[in-house]
Amino acid sequence: MRPVFSKGELVIDAATGRVHRVQLRLTIGGVAIELTTTYTADERLGLWLPAHFRERYEEGMRPPGSARTQ
């Protein structure tokens, strides 16, 4: 197993510290991966919870016939 270097972005409300969105980007074996989670308030529970999770995988520079999954 080798280290996998990644980069990401957090969108945080400075006033409350609440996380609104997290995005992680990394490449493993020529496959670019992007994972994004968005959060929203659940009024019934009184908590901020994941509302949407998106995965995106892209192989290489997308030559004809390459795979792309979203």
N, C-alpha and C. Protein backbone atom coordinates (compact mmCIF):
# COMPACT_ATOMS: atom_id res chain seq x y z
N MET A 1 0.85 -1.17 0.00
CA MET A 1 0.00 0.00 0.00
C MET A 1 0.90 1.24 0.00
N ARG A 2 0.54 2.22 -0.84
CA ARG A 2 1.30 3.46 -0.94
C ARG A 2 0.48 4.63 -0.44
N PRO A 3 1.15 5.70 -0.01
CA PRO A 3 0.41 6.90 0.40
C PRO A 3 -0.38 7.47 -0.78
N VAL A 4 -1.52 8.03 -0.49
CA VAL A 4 -2.35 8.70 -1.49
C VAL A 4 -2.46 10.16 -1.06
N PHE A 5 -1.96 11.06 -1.91
CA PHE A 5 -2.03 12.47 -1.60
C PHE A 5 -3.36 13.02 -2.09
N SER A 6 -3.93 13.88 -1.30
CA SER A 6 -5.25 14.42 -1.63
C SER A 6 -5.28 15.91 -1.32
N LYS A 7 -6.32 16.55 -1.83
CA LYS A 7 -6.58 17.94 -1.46
C LYS A 7 -8.09 18.09 -1.34
N GLY A 8 -8.49 19.09 -0.62
CA GLY A 8 -9.91 19.24 -0.40
C GLY A 8 -10.29 20.65 -0.01
N GLU A 9 -11.57 20.79 0.22
CA GLU A 9 -12.13 22.10 0.56
C GLU A 9 -13.25 21.90 1.57
N LEU A 10 -13.27 22.76 2.57
CA LEU A 10 -14.34 22.78 3.57
C LEU A 10 -15.02 24.13 3.50
N VAL A 11 -16.34 24.12 3.49
CA VAL A 11 -17.11 25.37 3.57
C VAL A 11 -17.73 25.38 4.96
N ILE A 12 -17.26 26.31 5.79
CA ILE A 12 -17.67 26.37 7.19
C ILE A 12 -18.20 27.77 7.50
N ASP A 13 -19.32 27.83 8.21
CA ASP A 13 -19.88 29.11 8.65
C ASP A 13 -18.99 29.64 9.77
N ALA A 14 -18.33 30.75 9.54
CA ALA A 14 -17.39 31.31 10.51
C ALA A 14 -18.07 31.68 11.83
N ALA A 15 -19.33 32.08 11.77
CA ALA A 15 -20.02 32.51 12.99
C ALA A 15 -20.42 31.34 13.88
N THR A 16 -20.81 30.21 13.26
CA THR A 16 -21.32 29.08 14.05
C THR A 16 -20.40 27.87 14.08
N GLY A 17 -19.46 27.80 13.11
CA GLY A 17 -18.58 26.64 13.02
C GLY A 17 -19.24 25.46 12.31
N ARG A 18 -20.44 25.66 11.80
CA ARG A 18 -21.14 24.57 11.11
C ARG A 18 -20.51 24.29 9.75
N VAL A 19 -20.36 23.03 9.46
CA VAL A 19 -19.82 22.60 8.17
C VAL A 19 -20.97 22.51 7.17
N HIS A 20 -20.84 23.21 6.05
CA HIS A 20 -21.88 23.19 5.02
C HIS A 20 -21.54 22.24 3.87
N ARG A 21 -20.23 22.14 3.55
CA ARG A 21 -19.83 21.28 2.43
C ARG A 21 -18.39 20.83 2.63
N VAL A 22 -18.12 19.57 2.26
CA VAL A 22 -16.77 19.02 2.29
C VAL A 22 -16.51 18.39 0.93
N GLN A 23 -15.35 18.71 0.35
CA GLN A 23 -14.99 18.13 -0.95
C GLN A 23 -13.56 17.60 -0.84
N LEU A 24 -13.37 16.36 -1.31
CA LEU A 24 -12.07 15.70 -1.29
C LEU A 24 -11.73 15.27 -2.70
N ARG A 25 -10.51 15.58 -3.15
CA ARG A 25 -10.05 15.18 -4.48
C ARG A 25 -8.74 14.41 -4.34
N LEU A 26 -8.65 13.28 -5.04
CA LEU A 26 -7.44 12.47 -5.02
C LEU A 26 -7.35 11.66 -6.31
N THR A 27 -6.16 11.12 -6.56
CA THR A 27 -5.96 10.28 -7.73
C THR A 27 -5.30 8.99 -7.27
N ILE A 28 -5.88 7.87 -7.70
CA ILE A 28 -5.34 6.56 -7.37
C ILE A 28 -5.22 5.77 -8.66
N GLY A 29 -4.00 5.39 -9.00
CA GLY A 29 -3.78 4.56 -10.19
C GLY A 29 -4.36 5.13 -11.47
N GLY A 30 -4.26 6.42 -11.68
CA GLY A 30 -4.76 7.04 -12.90
C GLY A 30 -6.25 7.36 -12.87
N VAL A 31 -6.92 7.09 -11.77
CA VAL A 31 -8.34 7.41 -11.63
C VAL A 31 -8.48 8.63 -10.72
N ALA A 32 -9.05 9.70 -11.27
CA ALA A 32 -9.30 10.91 -10.48
C ALA A 32 -10.63 10.72 -9.74
N ILE A 33 -10.61 10.97 -8.45
CA ILE A 33 -11.78 10.75 -7.60
C ILE A 33 -12.14 12.07 -6.93
N GLU A 34 -13.43 12.39 -6.93
CA GLU A 34 -13.92 13.59 -6.25
C GLU A 34 -15.13 13.18 -5.41
N LEU A 35 -15.06 13.43 -4.12
CA LEU A 35 -16.13 13.10 -3.18
C LEU A 35 -16.62 14.39 -2.55
N THR A 36 -17.92 14.64 -2.62
CA THR A 36 -18.50 15.87 -2.09
C THR A 36 -19.70 15.53 -1.21
N THR A 37 -19.70 16.07 0.00
CA THR A 37 -20.84 15.91 0.91
C THR A 37 -21.35 17.28 1.29
N THR A 38 -22.66 17.50 1.16
CA THR A 38 -23.27 18.74 1.61
C THR A 38 -24.14 18.43 2.83
N TYR A 39 -24.20 19.39 3.73
CA TYR A 39 -24.93 19.22 4.99
C TYR A 39 -26.05 20.24 5.08
N THR A 40 -27.09 19.86 5.79
CA THR A 40 -28.21 20.77 6.02
C THR A 40 -28.80 20.50 7.41
N ALA A 41 -29.53 21.48 7.91
CA ALA A 41 -30.14 21.35 9.23
C ALA A 41 -31.35 20.43 9.17
N ASP A 42 -31.43 19.51 10.12
CA ASP A 42 -32.61 18.68 10.30
C ASP A 42 -33.35 19.26 11.51
N GLU A 43 -34.41 19.99 11.23
CA GLU A 43 -35.15 20.69 12.29
C GLU A 43 -35.73 19.73 13.32
N ARG A 44 -36.16 18.57 12.88
CA ARG A 44 -36.77 17.60 13.78
C ARG A 44 -35.77 17.11 14.83
N LEU A 45 -34.52 16.85 14.39
CA LEU A 45 -33.49 16.37 15.31
C LEU A 45 -32.67 17.49 15.92
N GLY A 46 -32.72 18.68 15.32
CA GLY A 46 -31.94 19.80 15.81
C GLY A 46 -30.45 19.64 15.54
N LEU A 47 -30.12 18.92 14.44
CA LEU A 47 -28.72 18.66 14.09
C LEU A 47 -28.46 19.00 12.63
N TRP A 48 -27.20 19.25 12.30
CA TRP A 48 -26.79 19.37 10.90
C TRP A 48 -26.34 17.99 10.46
N LEU A 49 -26.92 17.50 9.38
CA LEU A 49 -26.66 16.14 8.91
C LEU A 49 -26.31 16.14 7.43
N PRO A 50 -25.60 15.09 6.97
CA PRO A 50 -25.35 14.98 5.53
C PRO A 50 -26.66 14.92 4.77
N ALA A 51 -26.79 15.75 3.75
CA ALA A 51 -28.01 15.78 2.95
C ALA A 51 -27.79 15.20 1.56
N HIS A 52 -26.56 15.31 1.06
CA HIS A 52 -26.28 14.85 -0.30
C HIS A 52 -24.82 14.42 -0.38
N PHE A 53 -24.59 13.26 -1.00
CA PHE A 53 -23.23 12.77 -1.20
C PHE A 53 -23.05 12.48 -2.67
N ARG A 54 -22.00 13.02 -3.25
CA ARG A 54 -21.75 12.83 -4.69
C ARG A 54 -20.36 12.24 -4.88
N GLU A 55 -20.28 11.17 -5.67
CA GLU A 55 -19.01 10.55 -6.02
C GLU A 55 -18.79 10.75 -7.51
N ARG A 56 -17.55 11.05 -7.88
CA ARG A 56 -17.23 11.18 -9.29
C ARG A 56 -15.88 10.51 -9.53
N TYR A 57 -15.84 9.62 -10.52
CA TYR A 57 -14.62 8.90 -10.87
C TYR A 57 -14.34 9.14 -12.35
N GLU A 58 -13.11 9.51 -12.64
CA GLU A 58 -12.76 9.75 -14.03
C GLU A 58 -11.39 9.13 -14.30
N GLU A 59 -11.36 8.32 -15.34
CA GLU A 59 -10.14 7.62 -15.68
C GLU A 59 -9.37 8.39 -16.75
N GLY A 60 -8.11 8.73 -16.46
CA GLY A 60 -7.25 9.41 -17.43
C GLY A 60 -7.81 10.74 -17.89
N MET A 61 -7.48 11.12 -19.12
CA MET A 61 -7.93 12.40 -19.69
C MET A 61 -9.17 12.21 -20.55
N ARG A 62 -9.88 11.15 -20.37
CA ARG A 62 -11.11 10.82 -21.09
C ARG A 62 -10.93 10.69 -22.60
N PRO A 63 -9.98 9.84 -23.02
CA PRO A 63 -9.91 9.57 -24.44
C PRO A 63 -11.16 8.80 -24.87
N PRO A 64 -11.45 8.71 -26.17
CA PRO A 64 -12.63 7.97 -26.61
C PRO A 64 -12.65 6.58 -26.01
N GLY A 65 -13.81 6.20 -25.49
CA GLY A 65 -13.98 4.88 -24.90
C GLY A 65 -13.59 4.80 -23.43
N SER A 66 -13.13 5.90 -22.83
CA SER A 66 -12.74 5.85 -21.41
C SER A 66 -13.99 5.84 -20.54
N ALA A 67 -13.79 5.43 -19.30
CA ALA A 67 -14.90 5.30 -18.37
C ALA A 67 -15.09 6.57 -17.55
N ARG A 68 -16.35 6.93 -17.32
CA ARG A 68 -16.70 8.04 -16.44
C ARG A 68 -17.95 7.65 -15.69
N THR A 69 -17.89 7.69 -14.37
CA THR A 69 -19.03 7.32 -13.53
C THR A 69 -19.34 8.47 -12.61
N GLN A 70 -20.61 8.76 -12.47
CA GLN A 70 -21.01 9.87 -11.59
C GLN A 70 -22.23 9.47 -10.80
